[in-house]
Protein backbone atom coordinates (compact mmCIF):
# COMPACT_ATOMS: atom_id res chain seq x y z
CA MET A 1 -15.04 16.62 -47.97
CA LEU A 2 -14.03 18.17 -51.18
CA LYS A 3 -15.21 17.03 -54.67
CA ARG A 4 -12.34 15.98 -56.94
CA SER A 5 -13.82 13.54 -59.36
CA GLU A 6 -14.84 14.31 -62.91
CA GLU A 7 -17.91 12.10 -62.39
CA ASP A 8 -20.56 14.29 -60.76
CA PHE A 9 -23.82 12.87 -59.54
CA ASP A 10 -26.71 14.94 -58.05
CA TYR A 11 -28.33 14.09 -54.68
CA GLY A 12 -30.65 11.13 -54.92
CA GLU A 13 -29.39 10.10 -58.34
CA ILE A 14 -29.00 6.41 -58.91
CA HIS A 15 -25.89 5.46 -60.77
CA PRO A 16 -23.28 2.67 -61.09
CA SER A 17 -20.86 2.54 -58.27
CA LEU A 18 -17.40 3.91 -58.94
CA PHE A 19 -15.98 0.88 -57.24
CA ASN A 20 -18.13 -1.75 -58.91
CA LYS A 21 -20.00 -0.83 -62.02
CA LYS A 22 -22.44 -3.83 -61.62
CA VAL A 23 -23.77 -2.31 -58.42
CA LEU A 24 -26.14 0.61 -58.43
CA VAL A 25 -25.93 3.21 -55.68
CA LYS A 26 -27.65 6.45 -54.67
CA THR A 27 -25.92 9.70 -53.98
CA ALA A 28 -26.58 10.56 -50.36
CA VAL A 29 -24.26 13.58 -49.77
CA GLU A 30 -23.08 16.12 -52.34
CA ASP A 31 -20.49 18.91 -52.07
CA VAL A 32 -20.30 18.89 -48.22
CA ASN A 33 -17.28 21.00 -47.15
CA PHE A 34 -16.50 22.20 -43.65
CA ALA A 35 -13.69 22.43 -41.14
CA VAL A 36 -13.70 22.12 -37.34
CA ARG A 37 -11.32 23.88 -34.98
CA ALA A 38 -9.87 22.51 -31.77
CA ARG A 39 -12.16 23.21 -28.70
CA GLU A 40 -15.11 23.75 -31.06
CA CYS A 41 -18.30 21.87 -31.10
CA PHE A 42 -19.65 21.85 -34.69
CA GLY A 43 -23.40 20.89 -34.92
CA LEU A 44 -24.63 19.09 -38.08
CA LEU A 45 -28.42 19.41 -38.26
CA GLY A 46 -30.94 18.18 -40.76
CA PRO A 47 -34.24 16.20 -41.16
CA ASN A 48 -34.27 12.46 -41.38
CA GLY A 49 -32.57 11.30 -44.60
CA ALA A 50 -30.57 14.57 -45.13
CA GLY A 51 -27.18 12.79 -44.99
CA LYS A 52 -25.99 13.43 -41.40
CA THR A 53 -25.10 9.89 -40.48
CA THR A 54 -23.75 9.22 -43.96
CA THR A 55 -21.29 12.19 -43.43
CA LEU A 56 -20.18 10.89 -40.11
CA ASN A 57 -19.64 7.40 -41.58
CA ALA A 58 -17.46 8.87 -44.26
CA ILE A 59 -15.48 10.81 -41.68
CA THR A 60 -14.95 7.68 -39.56
CA SER A 61 -14.11 5.60 -42.70
CA SER A 62 -17.12 3.31 -41.93
CA ILE A 63 -17.85 3.95 -45.63
CA THR A 64 -15.56 5.17 -48.39
CA PRO A 65 -16.76 8.32 -50.11
CA THR A 66 -16.93 7.98 -53.98
CA THR A 67 -15.43 11.51 -54.23
CA GLY A 68 -13.78 13.94 -51.92
CA LYS A 69 -11.50 13.60 -48.97
CA VAL A 70 -11.43 13.80 -45.17
CA CYS A 71 -8.43 15.30 -43.50
CA PHE A 72 -7.27 15.40 -39.91
CA PHE A 73 -4.52 18.11 -39.34
CA GLY A 74 -3.90 18.05 -43.02
CA LYS A 75 -3.47 14.36 -43.47
CA GLU A 76 -5.98 12.53 -45.57
CA VAL A 77 -7.69 9.99 -43.27
CA HIS A 78 -7.97 7.23 -45.92
CA ASN A 79 -4.21 7.24 -46.47
CA THR A 80 -3.20 7.55 -42.86
CA PRO A 81 -2.50 4.51 -40.51
CA PHE A 82 -5.22 4.12 -37.82
CA SER A 83 -2.43 4.29 -35.26
CA GLU A 84 -1.91 7.97 -36.16
CA ILE A 85 -5.56 8.91 -35.90
CA SER A 86 -6.98 10.05 -32.49
CA MET A 87 -10.72 9.72 -32.75
CA GLY A 88 -13.75 8.95 -30.60
CA TYR A 89 -17.07 8.04 -32.04
CA CYS A 90 -20.49 7.70 -30.29
CA PRO A 91 -22.87 6.19 -32.96
CA GLN A 92 -26.63 6.44 -32.89
CA ILE A 93 -26.94 2.84 -31.76
CA ASN A 94 -25.16 1.70 -28.59
CA ILE A 95 -22.41 -0.84 -29.72
CA LEU A 96 -21.56 -2.70 -26.46
CA TRP A 97 -20.56 -6.22 -25.53
CA LYS A 98 -23.37 -7.64 -23.36
CA GLU A 99 -20.83 -9.84 -21.49
CA LEU A 100 -18.56 -6.99 -20.40
CA THR A 101 -19.31 -4.78 -17.48
CA LEU A 102 -19.46 -0.94 -17.69
CA ARG A 103 -16.02 -0.69 -16.06
CA GLU A 104 -14.56 -3.40 -18.33
CA HIS A 105 -15.71 -1.45 -21.44
CA LEU A 106 -13.93 1.66 -20.30
CA GLU A 107 -10.73 -0.03 -19.36
CA LEU A 108 -10.70 -1.93 -22.68
CA PHE A 109 -10.91 1.27 -24.73
CA LEU A 110 -8.40 3.06 -22.57
CA ARG A 111 -5.99 0.14 -23.15
CA ILE A 112 -6.62 0.26 -26.82
CA ARG A 113 -5.72 4.02 -26.72
CA GLY A 114 -2.36 3.19 -25.23
CA TYR A 115 -2.92 3.48 -21.47
CA ALA A 116 -1.09 1.09 -19.19
CA LYS A 117 -3.25 -1.36 -17.08
CA LYS A 118 -3.02 0.72 -13.94
CA GLU A 119 -3.61 4.03 -15.75
CA ALA A 120 -6.65 2.50 -17.45
CA THR A 121 -8.07 1.37 -14.12
CA ASP A 122 -7.45 4.78 -12.52
CA TYR A 123 -8.89 6.80 -15.48
CA ALA A 124 -11.98 4.46 -15.63
CA THR A 125 -12.61 5.16 -11.94
CA LYS A 126 -12.43 8.87 -12.55
CA TYR A 127 -14.95 8.72 -15.43
CA ILE A 128 -17.29 6.47 -13.44
CA ASN A 129 -17.27 8.72 -10.36
CA ALA A 130 -17.62 11.88 -12.40
CA CYS A 131 -20.82 10.52 -13.93
CA GLY A 132 -22.19 8.97 -10.80
CA LEU A 133 -22.03 5.44 -12.18
CA GLU A 134 -20.49 3.73 -9.23
CA ASP A 135 -23.62 1.59 -8.57
CA HIS A 136 -23.57 0.30 -12.21
CA GLN A 137 -19.82 -0.25 -12.84
CA ASN A 138 -19.80 -4.00 -12.32
CA LYS A 139 -23.10 -4.66 -14.03
CA PRO A 140 -22.93 -6.35 -17.54
CA ALA A 141 -24.02 -4.06 -20.41
CA ASP A 142 -27.23 -5.95 -21.01
CA LYS A 143 -28.30 -5.36 -17.38
CA ILE A 144 -28.05 -1.56 -17.36
CA SER A 145 -30.68 0.96 -18.46
CA GLY A 146 -30.89 2.71 -21.73
CA GLY A 147 -29.83 5.97 -20.23
CA THR A 148 -26.81 4.43 -18.63
CA LYS A 149 -25.81 2.65 -21.90
CA ARG A 150 -25.95 6.05 -23.56
CA LYS A 151 -23.66 7.56 -20.95
CA LEU A 152 -21.32 4.62 -21.35
CA SER A 153 -21.17 5.01 -25.15
CA LEU A 154 -20.36 8.73 -24.68
CA LEU A 155 -17.66 8.02 -22.27
CA ILE A 156 -16.15 5.47 -24.55
CA SER A 157 -15.99 8.15 -27.25
CA ILE A 158 -14.28 10.71 -25.05
CA CYS A 159 -12.04 8.61 -22.90
CA GLY A 160 -8.35 9.08 -23.50
CA TYR A 161 -8.76 12.59 -24.76
CA PRO A 162 -9.02 11.87 -28.55
CA LYS A 163 -8.38 14.85 -30.90
CA GLN A 164 -11.55 14.33 -32.88
CA ILE A 165 -14.81 13.35 -31.29
CA LEU A 166 -17.97 12.54 -33.37
CA LEU A 167 -21.33 12.22 -31.54
CA ASP A 168 -24.27 10.96 -33.63
CA GLU A 169 -27.42 12.11 -31.74
CA PRO A 170 -25.85 11.39 -28.28
CA THR A 171 -29.01 12.21 -26.27
CA ALA A 172 -31.62 10.59 -28.50
CA GLY A 173 -34.22 8.81 -26.34
CA LEU A 174 -33.00 10.26 -23.11
CA ASP A 175 -35.22 11.82 -20.39
CA PRO A 176 -34.61 15.56 -19.85
CA SER A 177 -32.56 15.06 -16.68
CA THR A 178 -30.18 12.62 -18.26
CA ARG A 179 -30.00 14.76 -21.40
CA ARG A 180 -28.74 17.72 -19.50
CA TYR A 181 -26.27 15.52 -17.66
CA VAL A 182 -24.90 14.42 -20.98
CA TRP A 183 -24.71 18.09 -22.07
CA ASN A 184 -22.57 18.79 -19.08
CA ILE A 185 -20.15 16.04 -19.98
CA ILE A 186 -19.90 17.28 -23.56
CA ASN A 187 -19.28 20.94 -22.44
CA ASP A 188 -16.68 19.80 -19.90
CA THR A 189 -14.94 17.70 -22.58
CA LYS A 190 -14.74 20.70 -24.98
CA LYS A 191 -13.34 23.00 -22.19
CA MET A 192 -10.77 20.58 -20.84
CA ASN A 193 -9.38 18.99 -24.05
CA GLU A 194 -7.98 20.14 -27.36
CA SER A 195 -10.69 18.09 -29.02
CA ALA A 196 -12.69 19.12 -32.17
CA LEU A 197 -16.28 17.84 -31.76
CA ILE A 198 -18.93 17.11 -34.46
CA LEU A 199 -22.42 16.66 -33.19
CA THR A 200 -25.59 15.61 -34.95
CA THR A 201 -28.97 16.30 -33.31
CA HIS A 202 -32.61 16.90 -33.89
CA SER A 203 -32.87 19.15 -30.82
CA MET A 204 -32.45 22.91 -31.43
CA GLU A 205 -32.24 23.42 -27.72
CA GLU A 206 -29.22 20.98 -27.64
CA ALA A 207 -27.66 22.65 -30.59
CA GLU A 208 -27.87 26.11 -28.97
CA GLN A 209 -26.56 24.74 -25.69
CA LEU A 210 -23.46 22.92 -27.13
CA CYS A 211 -22.54 24.13 -30.53
CA ASP A 212 -20.19 26.99 -31.42
CA ARG A 213 -21.18 26.74 -35.03
CA LEU A 214 -23.92 24.96 -36.92
CA ALA A 215 -24.58 23.61 -40.40
CA ILE A 216 -27.98 22.47 -41.79
CA LEU A 217 -28.06 19.59 -44.29
CA VAL A 218 -30.99 19.45 -46.70
CA ASN A 219 -31.08 16.72 -49.34
CA GLY A 220 -27.38 15.93 -48.89
CA ARG A 221 -26.24 19.52 -49.32
CA LEU A 222 -25.20 22.21 -46.85
CA THR A 223 -27.72 24.96 -46.86
CA CYS A 224 -26.25 27.20 -44.29
CA ILE A 225 -23.27 27.36 -41.88
CA GLY A 226 -22.34 29.71 -39.02
CA ALA A 227 -22.75 30.51 -35.35
CA PRO A 228 -26.36 29.97 -34.00
CA GLN A 229 -26.89 33.78 -33.70
CA HIS A 230 -25.58 34.47 -37.17
CA ILE A 231 -28.02 31.83 -38.64
CA LYS A 232 -30.94 33.37 -36.70
CA MET A 233 -30.07 36.85 -38.05
CA ARG A 234 -29.43 35.55 -41.53
CA PHE A 235 -32.32 33.12 -42.06
CA GLY A 236 -34.82 34.19 -39.45
CA GLU A 237 -38.05 35.69 -40.84
CA GLY A 238 -38.47 38.46 -38.28
CA TYR A 239 -39.72 38.43 -34.73
CA VAL A 240 -42.44 36.76 -32.62
CA LEU A 241 -44.57 38.77 -30.20
CA GLU A 242 -46.45 36.48 -27.77
CA LEU A 243 -48.61 38.01 -25.09
CA GLN A 244 -51.27 37.36 -22.46
CA ALA A 245 -54.14 39.81 -21.92
CA ASP A 246 -57.56 39.75 -20.25
CA ASP A 247 -58.98 41.13 -23.46
CA VAL A 248 -56.97 40.14 -26.48
CA SER A 249 -59.46 41.59 -28.88
CA LYS A 250 -59.10 45.06 -27.21
CA PHE A 251 -55.31 44.86 -27.42
CA HIS A 252 -55.47 44.01 -31.14
CA SER A 253 -57.92 46.80 -31.89
CA GLU A 254 -56.15 49.58 -29.96
CA ILE A 255 -52.52 48.59 -30.39
CA ILE A 256 -52.13 46.63 -33.54
CA GLU A 257 -54.73 48.40 -35.67
CA LYS A 258 -55.18 51.96 -34.22
CA GLU A 259 -51.55 52.50 -33.14
CA ASN A 260 -50.21 50.48 -35.99
CA LEU A 261 -47.60 48.75 -33.79
CA PHE A 262 -45.92 46.98 -36.69
CA GLY A 263 -46.08 49.80 -39.09
CA THR A 264 -46.19 48.61 -42.81
CA ASN A 265 -44.59 45.27 -41.93
CA GLU A 266 -46.56 42.13 -42.73
CA PHE A 267 -47.63 39.96 -39.83
CA THR A 268 -49.54 36.75 -39.08
CA ILE A 269 -51.71 36.09 -35.95
CA ASP A 270 -52.27 32.96 -34.09
CA LYS A 271 -54.72 33.06 -31.21
CA THR A 272 -53.53 30.19 -29.02
CA SER A 273 -56.24 30.61 -26.35
CA ASN A 274 -58.92 33.03 -25.17
CA ASN A 275 -56.34 35.20 -23.38
CA ARG A 276 -53.11 34.42 -25.31
CA VAL A 277 -52.09 35.45 -28.82
CA LYS A 278 -49.07 35.22 -30.98
CA TYR A 279 -47.93 37.56 -33.74
CA GLU A 280 -45.16 36.69 -36.25
CA VAL A 281 -43.97 39.99 -37.92
CA TYR A 282 -41.46 40.38 -40.72
CA MET A 283 -39.47 43.38 -39.47
CA SER A 284 -35.86 44.39 -39.05
CA GLN A 285 -36.25 48.05 -37.81
CA HIS A 286 -38.11 49.85 -35.07
CA ILE A 287 -37.60 46.99 -32.63
CA GLY A 288 -37.16 49.32 -29.75
CA HIS A 289 -40.45 50.98 -30.48
CA VAL A 290 -42.29 47.65 -30.05
CA PHE A 291 -40.64 47.09 -26.68
CA LYS A 292 -41.51 50.67 -25.57
CA VAL A 293 -45.25 50.21 -26.52
CA MET A 294 -45.46 46.73 -24.89
CA GLU A 295 -43.97 48.04 -21.62
CA GLU A 296 -46.60 50.82 -21.61
CA CYS A 297 -49.34 48.28 -22.22
CA LYS A 298 -47.99 46.15 -19.34
CA ALA A 299 -47.92 49.26 -17.01
CA ASN A 300 -51.51 50.22 -17.76
CA GLY A 301 -52.77 46.65 -17.46
CA LEU A 302 -53.76 46.08 -21.17
CA VAL A 303 -51.39 43.07 -21.21
CA THR A 304 -50.31 40.90 -18.20
CA ASP A 305 -47.26 39.46 -19.78
CA TYR A 306 -45.40 39.34 -23.18
CA THR A 307 -42.30 38.14 -24.85
CA PHE A 308 -40.75 39.66 -28.01
CA SER A 309 -37.92 37.70 -29.58
CA GLN A 310 -36.26 36.76 -32.88
CA THR A 311 -37.55 33.73 -34.87
CA SER A 312 -36.31 30.73 -33.13
CA LEU A 313 -33.60 28.33 -34.45
CA GLU A 314 -36.22 25.62 -34.38
CA GLN A 315 -38.48 27.55 -36.72
CA ILE A 316 -35.54 28.13 -39.12
CA PHE A 317 -34.78 24.36 -38.99
CA ILE A 318 -38.41 23.63 -39.71
CA ASN A 319 -38.37 25.97 -42.80
CA PHE A 320 -35.27 24.15 -44.10
CA ALA A 321 -36.80 20.79 -43.49
CA LYS A 322 -39.91 21.77 -45.50
CA GLU A 323 -37.53 22.15 -48.50
CA GLN A 324 -36.55 18.51 -48.19
CA ILE A 325 -40.17 17.42 -47.88
CA SER A 326 -41.26 19.49 -50.86
CA GLU A 327 -38.39 18.17 -53.07
CA ALA A 328 -39.20 14.57 -52.05
CA GLU A 329 -42.88 15.18 -52.94
CA GLU A 330 -41.86 16.63 -56.38
CA GLU A 331 -39.69 13.50 -57.05
CA GLU A 332 -42.55 11.24 -56.14
CA GLU A 333 -44.92 13.03 -58.37
CA GLU A 334 -42.38 12.85 -61.26
CA GLU A 335 -41.93 9.10 -60.67
CA GLN A 336 -45.72 8.59 -60.81
CA LYS A 337 -45.94 10.38 -64.13
CA ASN A 338 -43.27 8.24 -65.53
């Protein structure tokens, strides 16, 4: 979405609506600009209240943005007939008809997308069989489990091979087994179709599993965008060494202090238990030296196991989320002063 209005309002600013001056509104998203390629899954991350769902609602025309535009293949969505738009949407809340069965939902949406009755029946059968939903296909929507409802909502969004697919926290509330099943469906959709996918999620594991590129929203603005590995390299604050040893104090004394494992780089220490310890070190060089020393420690029995890795995507996300929390606290303090 690109800004094009002379009237500019900051995130969180309350102002008269551009559509009705008598109505006061609050700016939820500001200067959000990105593009998604075919066969790409683009992850939109951010803490609660960052503007993820508002962004998706603007893309789907559920709400009309006060400024900016949304384009599909160069055509502005708000000026394009719905018949020319190929879009699937899985919202946060399952929007289903309790009277219709699982199969009837799929056949209905396939018919809406232009499939003949027999084709809709055949494709619905394929989707049902592929997801192992045969036992639930004739149950009304209000008689199936939450996990099955979520699978159905996902299938509705991808059935008929739409060119744009938007998934708003598609695995929220699902158990680990069902979550991974949904991941497989999304990955298969990306590989088989020419679809461009936009996914919002709170799960960093999910983002790394599914997304080719990520963007993090904080206070309605994009703070970073790029491939997961690029974001970790760009915004990660070093490396994490986590180890297990019979004598953690001896390891710290001999290796960290005497051998000066991390050199002049700053580090923090977190003793998670009597025989486990975690070091966070801010370094970008001599990585190989750390591995060499740790392998020697493992060989001579000073440590029994260790991992040495970049700062996780989850930690980067937490750091960005803190920015939103701190800004919110500052605004609250300012309001109290006034």
